[in-house]
C-alpha atoms as a PDB file:
ATOM      1  CA  MET A   1       0.000   0.000   0.000  1.00  0.00           C
ATOM      2  CA  PHE A   2       1.662   3.186  -1.252  1.00  0.00           C
ATOM      3  CA  CYS A   3       0.503   6.318   0.594  1.00  0.00           C
ATOM      4  CA  HIS A   4       1.018   9.698  -1.046  1.00  0.00           C
ATOM      5  CA  ALA A   5      -0.076  13.203  -0.164  1.00  0.00           C
ATOM      6  CA  HIS A   6      -1.076  14.587  -3.574  1.00  0.00           C
ATOM      7  CA  PRO A   7      -1.872  13.396  -7.081  1.00  0.00           C
ATOM      8  CA  ASP A   8       1.484  13.286  -8.977  1.00  0.00           C
ATOM      9  CA  ASP A   9       3.569  12.400  -5.901  1.00  0.00           C
ATOM     10  CA  GLU A  10       3.240   8.746  -6.842  1.00  0.00           C
ATOM     11  CA  ALA A  11       4.584   9.428 -10.332  1.00  0.00           C
ATOM     12  CA  LEU A  12       7.508  11.499  -9.097  1.00  0.00           C
ATOM     13  CA  LEU A  13       8.678   9.279  -6.251  1.00  0.00           C
ATOM     14  CA  THR A  14       7.555   5.644  -6.335  1.00  0.00           C
ATOM     15  CA  ALA A  15       6.130   4.919  -9.794  1.00  0.00           C
ATOM     16  CA  GLY A  16       8.996   2.630 -10.779  1.00  0.00           C
ATOM     17  CA  THR A  17       8.672   0.600  -7.589  1.00  0.00           C
ATOM     18  CA  MET A  18       4.912   0.343  -8.051  1.00  0.00           C
ATOM     19  CA  ALA A  19       5.244  -0.917 -11.624  1.00  0.00           C
ATOM     20  CA  LYS A  20       7.897  -3.403 -10.523  1.00  0.00           C
ATOM     21  CA  ALA A  21       5.734  -4.690  -7.687  1.00  0.00           C
ATOM     22  CA  VAL A  22       2.810  -5.196 -10.081  1.00  0.00           C
ATOM     23  CA  GLU A  23       4.975  -7.141 -12.528  1.00  0.00           C
ATOM     24  CA  HIS A  24       6.223  -9.347  -9.686  1.00  0.00           C
ATOM     25  CA  GLY A  25       2.679 -10.333  -8.824  1.00  0.00           C
ATOM     26  CA  HIS A  26       1.931  -8.130  -5.850  1.00  0.00           C
ATOM     27  CA  ARG A  27      -1.432  -6.490  -5.339  1.00  0.00           C
ATOM     28  CA  VAL A  28      -0.638  -2.781  -5.332  1.00  0.00           C
ATOM     29  CA  VAL A  29      -2.883  -0.226  -3.649  1.00  0.00           C
ATOM     30  CA  LEU A  30      -2.360   3.516  -4.033  1.00  0.00           C
ATOM     31  CA  VAL A  31      -3.805   5.839  -1.383  1.00  0.00           C
ATOM     32  CA  VAL A  32      -3.783   9.578  -2.116  1.00  0.00           C
ATOM     33  CA  ALA A  33      -4.543  11.749   0.887  1.00  0.00           C
ATOM     34  CA  THR A  34      -5.495  15.151  -0.561  1.00  0.00           C
ATOM     35  CA  ASP A  35      -7.358  16.482  -3.561  1.00  0.00           C
ATOM     36  CA  GLY A  36      -4.346  18.477  -4.828  1.00  0.00           C
ATOM     37  CA  ALA A  37      -6.489  21.580  -5.255  1.00  0.00           C
ATOM     38  CA  ALA A  38      -3.723  23.881  -3.971  1.00  0.00           C
ATOM     39  CA  GLY A  39      -1.132  22.646  -6.457  1.00  0.00           C
ATOM     40  CA  LEU A  40       0.656  25.251  -8.535  1.00  0.00           C
ATOM     41  CA  THR A  41      -0.698  25.519 -12.055  1.00  0.00           C
ATOM     42  CA  SER A  42      -1.864  28.093 -14.568  1.00  0.00           C
ATOM     43  CA  GLN A  43      -4.784  30.320 -13.599  1.00  0.00           C
ATOM     44  CA  SER A  44      -6.872  28.868 -16.419  1.00  0.00           C
ATOM     45  CA  ARG A  45      -6.887  25.472 -14.663  1.00  0.00           C
ATOM     46  CA  ALA A  46      -7.291  26.628 -11.083  1.00  0.00           C
ATOM     47  CA  THR A  47     -11.074  26.476 -10.686  1.00  0.00           C
ATOM     48  CA  GLN A  48     -11.349  22.842 -11.761  1.00  0.00           C
ATOM     49  CA  LEU A  49      -7.976  21.690 -10.518  1.00  0.00           C
ATOM     50  CA  ALA A  50      -9.213  19.107  -7.995  1.00  0.00           C
ATOM     51  CA  ASN A  51     -11.326  17.350 -10.638  1.00  0.00           C
ATOM     52  CA  GLU A  52      -8.512  17.483 -13.162  1.00  0.00           C
ATOM     53  CA  ARG A  53      -5.985  16.060 -10.743  1.00  0.00           C
ATOM     54  CA  ARG A  54      -8.376  13.271  -9.784  1.00  0.00           C
ATOM     55  CA  ALA A  55      -8.565  12.266 -13.430  1.00  0.00           C
ATOM     56  CA  GLU A  56      -4.785  12.539 -13.798  1.00  0.00           C
ATOM     57  CA  VAL A  57      -3.973  10.268 -10.867  1.00  0.00           C
ATOM     58  CA  THR A  58      -6.581   7.789 -12.067  1.00  0.00           C
ATOM     59  CA  ARG A  59      -4.809   7.651 -15.420  1.00  0.00           C
ATOM     60  CA  SER A  60      -1.403   7.369 -13.745  1.00  0.00           C
ATOM     61  CA  ALA A  61      -2.631   4.438 -11.643  1.00  0.00           C
ATOM     62  CA  GLU A  62      -3.931   2.695 -14.763  1.00  0.00           C
ATOM     63  CA  ILE A  63      -0.563   3.120 -16.489  1.00  0.00           C
ATOM     64  CA  LEU A  64       1.293   1.626 -13.524  1.00  0.00           C
ATOM     65  CA  GLY A  65      -1.125  -1.288 -13.211  1.00  0.00           C
ATOM     66  CA  VAL A  66      -2.344  -0.331  -9.738  1.00  0.00           C
ATOM     67  CA  HIS A  67      -5.070  -2.684  -8.558  1.00  0.00           C
ATOM     68  CA  ASP A  68      -6.854  -0.277  -6.196  1.00  0.00           C
ATOM     69  CA  LEU A  69      -6.829   3.518  -6.061  1.00  0.00           C
ATOM     70  CA  VAL A  70      -8.180   5.098  -2.870  1.00  0.00           C
ATOM     71  CA  LEU A  71      -8.705   8.860  -2.870  1.00  0.00           C
ATOM     72  CA  LEU A  72      -9.229  10.245   0.628  1.00  0.00           C
ATOM     73  CA  ASP A  73     -10.033  13.730  -0.741  1.00  0.00           C
ATOM     74  CA  TYR A  74      -8.768  15.708   2.220  1.00  0.00           C
ATOM     75  CA  PRO A  75      -8.291  19.399   1.334  1.00  0.00           C
ATOM     76  CA  ASP A  76      -4.782  20.190   0.086  1.00  0.00           C
ATOM     77  CA  SER A  77      -2.936  22.343   2.653  1.00  0.00           C
ATOM     78  CA  GLY A  78      -0.810  24.247   0.144  1.00  0.00           C
ATOM     79  CA  PHE A  79       2.975  24.514   0.124  1.00  0.00           C
ATOM     80  CA  GLU A  80       3.026  26.711   3.221  1.00  0.00           C
ATOM     81  CA  GLY A  81       0.481  24.545   5.038  1.00  0.00           C
ATOM     82  CA  SER A  82      -1.590  27.632   5.789  1.00  0.00           C
ATOM     83  CA  ARG A  83      -4.952  26.813   4.191  1.00  0.00           C
ATOM     84  CA  PRO A  84      -7.751  26.637   6.786  1.00  0.00           C
ATOM     85  CA  ASP A  85      -9.495  23.335   7.507  1.00  0.00           C
ATOM     86  CA  SER A  86      -6.954  21.462   5.390  1.00  0.00           C
ATOM     87  CA  PHE A  87      -5.097  18.171   5.765  1.00  0.00           C
ATOM     88  CA  VAL A  88      -2.466  19.458   8.210  1.00  0.00           C
ATOM     89  CA  THR A  89      -5.135  20.716  10.624  1.00  0.00           C
ATOM     90  CA  LEU A  90      -6.453  17.173  11.169  1.00  0.00           C
ATOM     91  CA  GLN A  91      -5.321  14.987  14.036  1.00  0.00           C
ATOM     92  CA  PRO A  92      -2.717  12.447  12.854  1.00  0.00           C
ATOM     93  CA  GLN A  93      -4.494   9.728  14.819  1.00  0.00           C
ATOM     94  CA  ASP A  94      -7.735  10.323  12.934  1.00  0.00           C
ATOM     95  CA  ILE A  95      -5.924   9.971   9.616  1.00  0.00           C
ATOM     96  CA  ALA A  96      -4.060   6.934  10.952  1.00  0.00           C
ATOM     97  CA  ASP A  97      -7.330   5.272  11.896  1.00  0.00           C
ATOM     98  CA  ARG A  98      -8.583   5.673   8.345  1.00  0.00           C
ATOM     99  CA  LEU A  99      -5.349   4.320   6.877  1.00  0.00           C
ATOM    100  CA  HIS A 100      -5.533   1.406   9.299  1.00  0.00           C
ATOM    101  CA  VAL A 101      -9.021   0.499   8.071  1.00  0.00           C
ATOM    102  CA  ILE A 102      -7.933   0.640   4.428  1.00  0.00           C
ATOM    103  CA  ALA A 103      -4.828  -1.460   5.093  1.00  0.00           C
ATOM    104  CA  SER A 104      -6.939  -4.045   6.893  1.00  0.00           C
ATOM    105  CA  GLU A 105      -9.525  -4.146   4.114  1.00  0.00           C
ATOM    106  CA  VAL A 106      -6.932  -4.749   1.392  1.00  0.00           C
ATOM    107  CA  GLY A 107      -4.714  -6.972   3.530  1.00  0.00           C
ATOM    108  CA  ALA A 108      -1.633  -4.798   3.092  1.00  0.00           C
ATOM    109  CA  ASP A 109       1.525  -6.347   4.503  1.00  0.00           C
ATOM    110  CA  ILE A 110       3.891  -3.670   3.165  1.00  0.00           C
ATOM    111  CA  LEU A 111       3.275   0.052   3.678  1.00  0.00           C
ATOM    112  CA  ILE A 112       5.202   2.763   1.836  1.00  0.00           C
ATOM    113  CA  GLY A 113       5.155   6.403   2.897  1.00  0.00           C
ATOM    114  CA  TYR A 114       7.508   9.376   3.277  1.00  0.00           C
ATOM    115  CA  ASP A 115      10.638   9.934   5.329  1.00  0.00           C
ATOM    116  CA  PRO A 116      10.510  12.219   8.420  1.00  0.00           C
ATOM    117  CA  ALA A 117      11.461  15.256   6.316  1.00  0.00           C
ATOM    118  CA  GLY A 118       8.518  14.619   4.016  1.00  0.00           C
ATOM    119  CA  GLY A 119      10.963  14.397   1.126  1.00  0.00           C
ATOM    120  CA  TYR A 120      11.366  17.994   0.028  1.00  0.00           C
ATOM    121  CA  GLY A 121       9.455  19.185   3.091  1.00  0.00           C
ATOM    122  CA  HIS A 122       5.852  19.791   2.025  1.00  0.00           C
ATOM    123  CA  PRO A 123       3.686  20.069   5.176  1.00  0.00           C
ATOM    124  CA  ASP A 124       1.228  17.495   3.814  1.00  0.00           C
ATOM    125  CA  HIS A 125       4.077  15.025   3.267  1.00  0.00           C
ATOM    126  CA  ARG A 126       5.301  15.419   6.838  1.00  0.00           C
ATOM    127  CA  HIS A 127       1.769  15.083   8.194  1.00  0.00           C
ATOM    128  CA  LEU A 128       1.180  11.915   6.207  1.00  0.00           C
ATOM    129  CA  HIS A 129       4.496  10.548   7.468  1.00  0.00           C
ATOM    130  CA  ARG A 130       3.371  10.999  11.080  1.00  0.00           C
ATOM    131  CA  SER A 131      -0.060   9.521  10.383  1.00  0.00           C
ATOM    132  CA  LEU A 132       1.225   6.455   8.545  1.00  0.00           C
ATOM    133  CA  ARG A 133       3.696   5.665  11.317  1.00  0.00           C
ATOM    134  CA  LEU A 134       0.795   5.644  13.778  1.00  0.00           C
ATOM    135  CA  ALA A 135      -1.213   3.419  11.449  1.00  0.00           C
ATOM    136  CA  ALA A 136       1.717   1.027  11.083  1.00  0.00           C
ATOM    137  CA  LEU A 137       1.966   0.648  14.869  1.00  0.00           C
ATOM    138  CA  ALA A 138      -1.721  -0.301  15.062  1.00  0.00           C
ATOM    139  CA  ILE A 139      -1.481  -2.701  12.131  1.00  0.00           C
ATOM    140  CA  ASN A 140       1.488  -4.482  13.711  1.00  0.00           C
ATOM    141  CA  LEU A 141      -0.604  -5.215  16.775  1.00  0.00           C
ATOM    142  CA  GLU A 142      -2.834  -7.308  14.500  1.00  0.00           C
ATOM    143  CA  ARG A 143      -0.453  -8.902  12.033  1.00  0.00           C
ATOM    144  CA  GLN A 144       3.065  -8.777  10.645  1.00  0.00           C
ATOM    145  CA  SER A 145       3.678  -5.846   8.338  1.00  0.00           C
ATOM    146  CA  GLN A 146       6.576  -3.677   7.194  1.00  0.00           C
ATOM    147  CA  LEU A 147       6.814   0.076   6.808  1.00  0.00           C
ATOM    148  CA  PHE A 148       9.184   1.578   4.238  1.00  0.00           C
ATOM    149  CA  GLU A 149       9.696   5.298   3.665  1.00  0.00           C
ATOM    150  CA  ALA A 150      10.522   6.440   0.145  1.00  0.00           C
ATOM    151  CA  THR A 151      13.347   8.957  -0.016  1.00  0.00           C
ATOM    152  CA  LEU A 152      16.470  10.158  -1.826  1.00  0.00           C
ATOM    153  CA  PRO A 153      20.043  10.696  -0.558  1.00  0.00           C
ATOM    154  CA  ARG A 154      20.190  14.130   1.038  1.00  0.00           C
ATOM    155  CA  GLU A 155      23.780  14.717  -0.037  1.00  0.00           C
ATOM    156  CA  ALA A 156      23.019  14.319  -3.754  1.00  0.00           C
ATOM    157  CA  ILE A 157      20.013  16.645  -3.609  1.00  0.00           C
ATOM    158  CA  ARG A 158      21.961  19.248  -1.636  1.00  0.00           C
ATOM    159  CA  TRP A 159      24.810  19.128  -4.161  1.00  0.00           C
ATOM    160  CA  GLY A 160      22.368  19.429  -7.073  1.00  0.00           C
ATOM    161  CA  ALA A 161      20.669  22.452  -5.508  1.00  0.00           C
ATOM    162  CA  ARG A 162      23.960  24.260  -5.095  1.00  0.00           C
ATOM    163  CA  LEU A 163      25.045  23.403  -8.605  1.00  0.00           C
ATOM    164  CA  ALA A 164      21.771  24.696 -10.058  1.00  0.00           C
ATOM    165  CA  LYS A 165      22.240  27.958  -8.171  1.00  0.00           C
ATOM    166  CA  SER A 166      25.859  28.405  -9.269  1.00  0.00           C
ATOM    167  CA  LEU A 167      25.004  27.746 -12.919  1.00  0.00           C
ATOM    168  CA  GLY A 168      22.098  30.183 -12.899  1.00  0.00           C
ATOM    169  CA  LEU A 169      19.545  27.418 -13.509  1.00  0.00           C
ATOM    170  CA  ALA A 170      17.445  28.339 -10.469  1.00  0.00           C
ATOM    171  CA  PRO A 171      15.302  31.431  -9.816  1.00  0.00           C
ATOM    172  CA  ALA A 172      17.135  34.383  -8.315  1.00  0.00           C
ATOM    173  CA  ALA A 173      15.340  33.968  -4.986  1.00  0.00           C
ATOM    174  CA  PHE A 174      16.197  30.272  -4.726  1.00  0.00           C
ATOM    175  CA  ASP A 175      18.141  29.387  -1.563  1.00  0.00           C
ATOM    176  CA  PRO A 176      19.959  26.045  -1.903  1.00  0.00           C
ATOM    177  CA  THR A 177      20.407  25.803   1.872  1.00  0.00           C
ATOM    178  CA  GLU A 178      16.685  24.967   2.057  1.00  0.00           C
ATOM    179  CA  PHE A 179      17.701  21.428   1.115  1.00  0.00           C
ATOM    180  CA  ASP A 180      20.206  21.003   3.947  1.00  0.00           C
ATOM    181  CA  ASP A 181      17.619  19.203   6.088  1.00  0.00           C
ATOM    182  CA  LYS A 182      15.461  17.630   3.365  1.00  0.00           C
ATOM    183  CA  TRP A 183      15.274  13.991   2.323  1.00  0.00           C
ATOM    184  CA  THR A 184      17.453  11.456   4.217  1.00  0.00           C
ATOM    185  CA  PRO A 185      21.201  11.183   4.869  1.00  0.00           C
ATOM    186  CA  ARG A 186      22.695   8.423   2.745  1.00  0.00           C
ATOM    187  CA  SER A 187      23.969   6.608   5.846  1.00  0.00           C
ATOM    188  CA  GLN A 188      20.382   6.118   7.048  1.00  0.00           C
ATOM    189  CA  ILE A 189      19.016   4.625   3.813  1.00  0.00           C
ATOM    190  CA  THR A 190      18.600   0.875   4.208  1.00  0.00           C
ATOM    191  CA  ASN A 191      17.196  -0.307   0.870  1.00  0.00           C
ATOM    192  CA  ARG A 192      17.450   0.600  -2.790  1.00  0.00           C
ATOM    193  CA  VAL A 193      15.057  -0.568  -5.512  1.00  0.00           C
ATOM    194  CA  GLY A 194      16.355  -0.880  -9.067  1.00  0.00           C
ATOM    195  CA  VAL A 195      13.703   0.369 -11.468  1.00  0.00           C
ATOM    196  CA  HIS A 196      15.578   0.988 -14.725  1.00  0.00           C
ATOM    197  CA  ARG A 197      13.348  -1.496 -16.546  1.00  0.00           C
ATOM    198  CA  TYR A 198      10.293   0.494 -15.502  1.00  0.00           C
ATOM    199  CA  LEU A 199      11.353   3.976 -16.597  1.00  0.00           C
ATOM    200  CA  ARG A 200       8.951   3.931 -19.537  1.00  0.00           C
ATOM    201  CA  ALA A 201       6.009   3.353 -17.186  1.00  0.00           C
ATOM    202  CA  LYS A 202       7.299   5.984 -14.747  1.00  0.00           C
ATOM    203  CA  ARG A 203       7.639   8.559 -17.507  1.00  0.00           C
ATOM    204  CA  ALA A 204       4.165   7.785 -18.813  1.00  0.00           C
ATOM    205  CA  ALA A 205       2.745   8.183 -15.292  1.00  0.00           C
ATOM    206  CA  GLN A 206       4.463  11.558 -14.978  1.00  0.00           C
ATOM    207  CA  ALA A 207       3.105  12.627 -18.355  1.00  0.00           C
ATOM    208  CA  ALA A 208      -0.429  11.903 -17.117  1.00  0.00           C
ATOM    209  CA  HIS A 209      -0.172  14.847 -14.701  1.00  0.00           C
ATOM    210  CA  SER A 210      -0.318  17.582 -17.317  1.00  0.00           C
ATOM    211  CA  SER A 211      -1.767  20.191 -14.919  1.00  0.00           C
ATOM    212  CA  GLN A 212       1.459  20.099 -12.906  1.00  0.00           C
ATOM    213  CA  LYS A 213       3.723  20.894 -15.834  1.00  0.00           C
ATOM    214  CA  GLU A 214       2.640  24.505 -16.083  1.00  0.00           C
ATOM    215  CA  SER A 215       2.440  27.433 -13.719  1.00  0.00           C
ATOM    216  CA  ASP A 216       1.993  31.177 -14.043  1.00  0.00           C
ATOM    217  CA  GLY A 217       4.613  31.666 -11.351  1.00  0.00           C
ATOM    218  CA  GLY A 218       7.673  29.585 -12.196  1.00  0.00           C
ATOM    219  CA  GLN A 219       9.237  26.250 -13.073  1.00  0.00           C
ATOM    220  CA  ARG A 220       7.561  22.985 -12.107  1.00  0.00           C
ATOM    221  CA  THR A 221       9.485  19.796 -11.379  1.00  0.00           C
ATOM    222  CA  LEU A 222       7.408  17.756 -13.808  1.00  0.00           C
ATOM    223  CA  ALA A 223       8.060  20.255 -16.597  1.00  0.00           C
ATOM    224  CA  VAL A 224      11.825  20.047 -16.033  1.00  0.00           C
ATOM    225  CA  LEU A 225      11.718  16.253 -15.958  1.00  0.00           C
ATOM    226  CA  SER A 226       9.628  16.173 -19.133  1.00  0.00           C
ATOM    227  CA  ARG A 227      12.224  18.222 -20.972  1.00  0.00           C
ATOM    228  CA  GLN A 228      14.982  15.924 -19.778  1.00  0.00           C
ATOM    229  CA  ILE A 229      12.972  12.866 -20.802  1.00  0.00           C
ATOM    230  CA  GLY A 230      12.604  14.225 -24.305  1.00  0.00           C
ATOM    231  CA  ARG A 231      16.372  14.483 -24.838  1.00  0.00           C
END
């Protein structure tokens, strides 16, 4: 059971692992916590963004071969986590209880979430991390299960951020030190999944999230990756 905060997070972070798990005969369940309505995009898409992102993650799940897609539809908190009555305002235990029920219904024996930093630090990612850890504790009281937290080596991301700044590839206001406490130190990473054979599926899943490739206010990660993919 892969647990992500927003539509497109699955494509960016764990799509290769999901496709690999499907091919190896596992039942794969994708849980998406929020509606993604606060995601950055062009103004022309903003009013219908939640509906559009629901359709995009549905398509992404189909591409990856996901057996069950569960959309919790909590309100997206936004990058600053400041939206009222949003995901981050909910009690982690309440979210954990819901995740526990889903995991029990589908018989999940492996849970995948975020690292303590929430990857690049989005408040919804950190909140989901806390909630899934609580759910995992409850599940383990009932049956054997494993919790893994998807991440990247902090050192590589930190180096890349500084390089982008020095080469003028980042916005003028970009501060590379923001990544000094993001992701996970390499020494703490315990497992690595080889997904080279599944890059085509991962790229197709990313391409499904077209709303997240454009923004009136700056570069989007998916847009940068799409340009690299095309080379």
